[in-house]
Structures are given as C-alpha cells and as structure tokens.
C-alpha cells in the first residue's frame, strides 16, 4: 500500500512518443508502483480505441504505474484518475466553471472536453498493474484545437477558457499527484465503492437524457436516462423498460443537460 509520506519517482521529458509507452519501458526494467512519466509533448499520443490524442506543447501529459490489490479491478483505475482530475481542475479554475466527468474516460469543463484518460494493463502471471495515461489541455492554444470543434463535446483548454492566461504546469502536477495518491490510498483501504460514489457525484450527466453510439454487441445506438455506473464501471441507462441496461462499451455522443 502506498504510504502517506510516499515520494513518487518522476521522470520528465521534453517529448516522447507516448508517456504510456515510456512508462511501460521503465516498468519492464523494474520501476516501482507510483512511478510517473511526464512530457511536454507526445508525438504519437493515443486515446481510447486506438484514436490519436493530439499532444502539442502546452498540454499536460502524464502516466502513472499502479498495482491494485485485486488485479481484476484494474478497470477501477481510470474512474479513480477521473475523480482526481476533476478535483485538480476544480481547485485551479474559478468556481464559475463547471467541471464534470463524462463516461467512460473524459472530463468536461463547461460541457467542452478538456481531458481524457487511457488505461492499459501491464504485467503477466497474475501480477497485473495498470498504466494510467492522462492528457489535459492546460495551456494548449485554441488554434491547436481547431480540428476538434465540430465533434460532439468540442475541445477546449484552460488557457482558452481564461482568455489566454497561462497556468503553472508544475502547480498542476503537484496538485494532481496529491489528489491521485490520496484517492488511491483511500481506494486501497475501502475498495471501489467510495470512488464509485465520488464519480457519480462529479458527473453532471446523472439523471439526464443521453445517447450512446456503437453499443456492443451489435453496434446499436441507445437513448435513455443516465443513472450512474455499475459496480464494474458500466454505464447504467434507463430506457423505459423493466430493467436498467448496463453498457460496457460505446461512445456517449450527446447529453440533453
């Protein structure tokens, strides 16, 4: 278990292909739990489902190596990281900004996408950990986000929201580390239930009508009321039937706030 006085090992880079890939290299060489990789730029950043994550200078790109007590619960970690990001941004941004989670791995500010999470399993022979990658648009110029304005939940950055004001990246890093490891210790002691409750509390879409596209196994589109997440992180949707549906894979493309 990570102790209260834990001092994580942090590797900093000007640029890497991917912080997740760099951290995997370090993990294969024996890097301990809690190791962090931070880069100012990624040349081949990845998002969910193999999508490209545009990673220019000005963004916050960080990966952390964690080994949950129960290996099968690696899927808990991106929800934990999402709560840590919301807590971090809520501390940095003025209270007038609405910071919220979006299932399964995004963070919104004023209903625009500002951050994403990529969780990848690491290990073998039942000794599994998670490499959790975090990308946050901090000082990313709006011109770098022009290609992402026509999509659902268009992209933004802190500097764009605050009229070009620049945020100290080290401050963000220090706040996020503290939030993440405090939540992780809490998770190690109490399990997923408290993280589950915090995630739902910080998701403004709970109780709202949403649309999810590409739902497995038939790639169907489903519309209904979002009631939260299940014990294993699936999206719970009320479509008016006898029972709520649990959706484990798909893209939440619209919310009627």
Protein backbone atom coordinates (compact mmCIF):
# COMPACT_ATOMS: atom_id res chain seq x y z
CA UNK A 1 0.00 0.00 0.00
CA UNK A 2 1.31 3.48 -0.84
CA UNK A 3 2.17 5.21 2.48
CA UNK A 4 1.13 8.73 3.42
CA UNK A 5 4.71 10.04 3.14
CA UNK A 6 5.19 8.41 -0.26
CA UNK A 7 7.56 10.26 -2.63
CA UNK A 8 6.84 9.13 -6.21
CA UNK A 9 9.62 8.71 -8.74
CA UNK A 10 9.02 11.23 -11.52
CA UNK A 11 10.64 11.15 -14.96
CA UNK A 12 10.37 14.32 -17.04
CA UNK A 13 10.81 14.57 -20.80
CA UNK A 14 10.61 17.37 -23.34
CA UNK A 15 8.95 14.98 -25.81
CA UNK A 16 8.13 11.26 -26.04
CA UNK A 17 6.17 9.18 -28.49
CA UNK A 18 3.74 8.33 -25.67
CA UNK A 19 4.02 8.64 -21.90
CA UNK A 20 2.28 5.26 -21.55
CA UNK A 21 4.87 3.62 -23.81
CA UNK A 22 7.77 5.25 -21.95
CA UNK A 23 6.37 4.15 -18.61
CA UNK A 24 5.93 0.59 -19.90
CA UNK A 25 9.65 0.57 -20.80
CA UNK A 26 10.50 1.67 -17.26
CA UNK A 27 8.13 -0.87 -15.72
CA UNK A 28 9.82 -3.68 -17.67
CA UNK A 29 13.08 -2.56 -16.08
CA UNK A 30 11.59 -2.80 -12.60
CA UNK A 31 10.12 0.67 -11.95
CA UNK A 32 8.12 0.59 -8.68
CA UNK A 33 4.45 1.31 -8.18
CA UNK A 34 3.74 5.02 -8.26
CA UNK A 35 6.36 5.80 -10.91
CA UNK A 36 5.31 8.78 -13.05
CA UNK A 37 6.29 9.88 -16.56
CA UNK A 38 5.59 13.48 -17.56
CA UNK A 39 6.20 15.02 -21.00
CA UNK A 40 5.64 18.44 -22.52
CA UNK A 41 4.74 16.87 -25.87
CA UNK A 42 3.74 13.50 -27.32
CA UNK A 43 4.48 12.67 -30.95
CA UNK A 44 2.20 9.61 -31.03
CA UNK A 45 -0.25 10.15 -28.21
CA UNK A 46 -3.11 7.66 -28.03
CA UNK A 47 -6.68 7.86 -26.88
CA UNK A 48 -9.36 5.26 -26.37
CA UNK A 49 -9.92 2.63 -29.10
CA UNK A 50 -6.60 3.47 -30.75
CA UNK A 51 -7.60 7.02 -31.60
CA UNK A 52 -4.95 9.70 -31.90
CA UNK A 53 -4.60 12.09 -28.96
CA UNK A 54 -3.33 15.40 -30.30
CA UNK A 55 -0.50 16.30 -27.92
CA UNK A 56 1.16 19.66 -28.74
CA UNK A 57 3.30 21.72 -26.38
CA UNK A 58 1.05 23.39 -23.83
CA UNK A 59 -0.76 20.23 -22.79
CA UNK A 60 -0.27 18.13 -19.68
CA UNK A 61 0.76 14.53 -20.46
CA UNK A 62 1.34 12.15 -17.58
CA UNK A 63 1.30 8.40 -16.95
CA UNK A 64 1.37 6.58 -13.61
CA UNK A 65 2.05 2.92 -12.74
CA UNK A 66 -0.35 1.39 -10.19
CA UNK A 67 -0.90 -2.16 -8.91
CA UNK A 68 -4.35 -2.50 -7.33
CA UNK A 69 -4.67 -5.08 -4.55
CA UNK A 70 -7.07 -7.08 -6.71
CA UNK A 71 -5.60 -7.44 -10.23
CA UNK A 72 -9.01 -7.97 -11.82
CA UNK A 73 -10.02 -4.47 -10.65
CA UNK A 74 -7.63 -2.62 -12.98
CA UNK A 75 -10.75 -1.18 -14.66
CA UNK A 76 -11.38 0.81 -11.45
CA UNK A 77 -8.28 2.94 -12.02
CA UNK A 78 -9.48 5.26 -14.82
CA UNK A 79 -12.53 6.18 -12.72
CA UNK A 80 -10.22 6.99 -9.81
CA UNK A 81 -7.99 9.07 -12.10
CA UNK A 82 -11.04 10.90 -13.47
CA UNK A 83 -12.10 11.95 -9.98
CA UNK A 84 -8.53 13.14 -9.29
CA UNK A 85 -8.57 15.28 -12.45
CA UNK A 86 -11.93 16.84 -11.53
CA UNK A 87 -10.64 17.65 -8.05
CA UNK A 88 -7.47 19.16 -9.53
CA UNK A 89 -9.25 21.33 -12.10
CA UNK A 90 -11.84 22.42 -9.53
CA UNK A 91 -9.00 23.70 -7.35
CA UNK A 92 -7.25 25.51 -10.22
CA UNK A 93 -10.22 27.04 -12.03
CA UNK A 94 -12.50 29.80 -10.70
CA UNK A 95 -15.76 28.49 -9.20
CA UNK A 96 -17.78 29.83 -12.15
CA UNK A 97 -16.52 26.93 -14.28
CA UNK A 98 -18.45 23.65 -14.26
CA UNK A 99 -16.07 20.65 -14.14
CA UNK A 100 -17.69 17.29 -14.80
CA UNK A 101 -16.94 13.67 -15.70
CA UNK A 102 -18.13 12.05 -18.91
CA UNK A 103 -18.30 8.28 -19.23
CA UNK A 104 -16.11 6.42 -19.80
CA UNK A 105 -12.87 8.42 -19.71
CA UNK A 106 -13.30 12.15 -20.40
CA UNK A 107 -13.51 15.33 -18.34
CA UNK A 108 -15.54 18.35 -19.40
CA UNK A 109 -15.38 22.00 -18.41
CA UNK A 110 -18.50 23.99 -19.28
CA UNK A 111 -19.57 20.95 -21.33
CA UNK A 112 -16.43 21.02 -23.50
CA UNK A 113 -13.79 18.30 -23.48
CA UNK A 114 -10.63 19.28 -21.64
CA UNK A 115 -9.08 15.95 -20.61
CA UNK A 116 -9.01 12.23 -21.32
CA UNK A 117 -7.69 9.05 -19.74
CA UNK A 118 -6.14 5.96 -21.32
CA UNK A 119 -5.77 2.90 -19.08
CA UNK A 120 -3.66 -0.04 -20.23
CA UNK A 121 -2.94 -3.30 -18.38
CA UNK A 122 0.64 -4.22 -17.62
CA UNK A 123 2.15 -7.46 -16.30
CA UNK A 124 1.89 -11.22 -16.54
CA UNK A 125 1.34 -14.38 -14.47
CA UNK A 126 -1.46 -12.81 -12.40
CA UNK A 127 0.77 -9.86 -11.43
CA UNK A 128 -1.12 -7.17 -13.23
CA UNK A 129 -0.93 -3.44 -12.88
CA UNK A 130 -2.32 -0.51 -14.74
CA UNK A 131 -0.56 2.20 -16.69
CA UNK A 132 -2.89 5.17 -16.48
CA UNK A 133 -2.31 7.91 -19.05
CA UNK A 134 -3.73 11.39 -18.52
CA UNK A 135 -3.93 14.18 -21.08
CA UNK A 136 -5.21 17.62 -20.05
CA UNK A 137 -5.40 20.70 -22.27
CA UNK A 138 -3.84 23.23 -19.93
CA UNK A 139 -2.05 25.96 -21.91
CA UNK A 140 -2.93 24.45 -25.30
CA UNK A 141 -3.55 27.27 -27.81
CA UNK A 142 -7.06 27.24 -29.24
CA UNK A 143 -5.62 27.12 -32.78
CA UNK A 144 -4.23 23.65 -31.91
CA UNK A 145 -7.78 22.51 -31.15
CA UNK A 146 -9.47 23.84 -34.30
CA UNK A 147 -9.85 20.35 -35.81
CA UNK A 148 -11.84 19.24 -32.76
CA UNK A 149 -14.55 21.91 -32.74
CA UNK A 150 -17.13 20.20 -34.92
CA UNK A 151 -17.26 16.97 -32.97
CA UNK A 152 -19.60 16.27 -30.04
CA UNK A 153 -18.23 17.83 -26.87
CA UNK A 154 -15.79 20.10 -28.71
CA UNK A 155 -12.32 20.57 -27.24
CA UNK A 156 -11.10 23.44 -25.11
CA UNK A 157 -8.20 24.25 -22.77
CA UNK A 158 -7.78 26.13 -19.52
CA UNK A 159 -5.96 28.99 -21.25
CA UNK A 160 -8.74 29.25 -23.86
CA UNK A 161 -11.37 29.41 -21.12
CA UNK A 162 -9.39 32.05 -19.22
CA UNK A 163 -8.65 34.45 -22.10
CA UNK A 164 -5.11 33.23 -22.71
CA UNK A 165 -3.97 33.13 -19.08
CA UNK A 166 -1.12 30.64 -18.61
CA UNK A 167 -1.22 28.11 -15.79
CA UNK A 168 1.91 26.88 -13.99
CA UNK A 169 2.32 23.26 -15.13
CA UNK A 170 4.29 22.29 -12.02
CA UNK A 171 1.41 23.51 -9.87
CA UNK A 172 -0.98 21.29 -11.82
CA UNK A 173 1.41 18.36 -11.48
CA UNK A 174 1.82 18.80 -7.73
CA UNK A 175 -1.91 19.16 -7.09
CA UNK A 176 -2.78 16.19 -9.29
CA UNK A 177 -0.20 13.90 -7.67
CA UNK A 178 -1.54 14.72 -4.22
CA UNK A 179 -5.16 14.15 -5.27
CA UNK A 180 -4.37 10.92 -7.14
CA UNK A 181 -2.34 9.24 -4.41
CA UNK A 182 -4.73 10.31 -1.65
CA UNK A 183 -7.61 8.75 -3.58
CA UNK A 184 -5.52 5.66 -4.33
CA UNK A 185 -4.75 5.11 -0.64
CA UNK A 186 -8.46 5.54 0.11
CA UNK A 187 -9.25 3.03 -2.65
CA UNK A 188 -6.74 0.51 -1.25
CA UNK A 189 -8.39 0.76 2.17
CA UNK A 190 -12.08 0.93 1.21
CA UNK A 191 -12.36 -0.56 -2.28
CA UNK A 192 -14.23 0.80 -5.30
CA UNK A 193 -17.49 1.81 -3.59
CA UNK A 194 -16.32 5.27 -2.37
CA UNK A 195 -14.69 6.02 -5.76
CA UNK A 196 -17.92 4.89 -7.44
CA UNK A 197 -19.88 7.38 -5.31
CA UNK A 198 -17.41 10.21 -5.97
CA UNK A 199 -17.51 9.56 -9.71
CA UNK A 200 -21.31 9.79 -9.82
CA UNK A 201 -21.27 12.88 -7.61
CA UNK A 202 -18.93 14.60 -10.09
CA UNK A 203 -20.85 13.60 -13.24
CA UNK A 204 -23.33 16.30 -14.25
CA UNK A 205 -24.99 13.88 -16.68
CA UNK A 206 -26.51 11.70 -13.96
CA UNK A 207 -30.30 11.99 -14.24
CA UNK A 208 -30.07 13.45 -17.77
CA UNK A 209 -31.10 12.03 -21.12
CA UNK A 210 -28.09 10.78 -23.11
CA UNK A 211 -27.27 8.99 -26.35
CA UNK A 212 -24.68 6.21 -26.60
CA UNK A 213 -23.49 5.07 -30.02
CA UNK A 214 -21.75 1.85 -31.02
CA UNK A 215 -23.10 -0.24 -28.16
CA UNK A 216 -21.86 -3.83 -28.28
CA UNK A 217 -22.51 -6.49 -29.41
CA UNK A 218 -24.39 -5.10 -32.41
CA UNK A 219 -23.03 -1.52 -32.58
CA UNK A 220 -26.50 -0.13 -31.86
CA UNK A 221 -27.42 3.36 -30.65
CA UNK A 222 -29.25 3.69 -27.33
CA UNK A 223 -31.01 6.69 -25.80
CA UNK A 224 -32.14 6.86 -22.21
CA UNK A 225 -31.66 8.41 -18.78
CA UNK A 226 -28.23 8.03 -17.22
CA UNK A 227 -28.49 6.68 -13.69
CA UNK A 228 -24.80 6.27 -12.89
CA UNK A 229 -22.25 3.50 -13.23
CA UNK A 230 -22.35 -0.12 -12.18
CA UNK A 231 -20.06 -1.84 -9.69
CA UNK A 232 -17.78 -2.78 -12.61
CA UNK A 233 -17.85 0.63 -14.26
CA UNK A 234 -20.55 0.07 -16.86
CA UNK A 235 -22.99 2.86 -17.71
CA UNK A 236 -26.46 2.31 -16.23
CA UNK A 237 -29.22 3.55 -18.55
CA UNK A 238 -33.00 3.63 -18.10
CA UNK A 239 -34.67 3.25 -21.49
CA UNK A 240 -38.17 2.86 -20.08
CA UNK A 241 -38.06 -0.92 -19.88
CA UNK A 242 -38.48 -3.18 -16.90
CA UNK A 243 -34.79 -3.08 -16.03
CA UNK A 244 -31.93 -0.63 -16.48
CA UNK A 245 -29.33 -1.53 -19.08
CA UNK A 246 -25.66 -1.88 -18.27
CA UNK A 247 -23.47 -0.63 -21.14
CA UNK A 248 -19.83 -1.66 -21.02
CA UNK A 249 -18.67 -0.33 -24.39
CA UNK A 250 -19.77 2.59 -26.55
CA UNK A 251 -19.44 6.34 -27.11
CA UNK A 252 -21.60 8.80 -25.21
CA UNK A 253 -22.22 11.30 -28.00
CA UNK A 254 -24.97 13.56 -26.70
CA UNK A 255 -26.45 14.75 -23.43
CA UNK A 256 -29.59 16.85 -23.01
CA UNK A 257 -28.49 18.88 -19.98
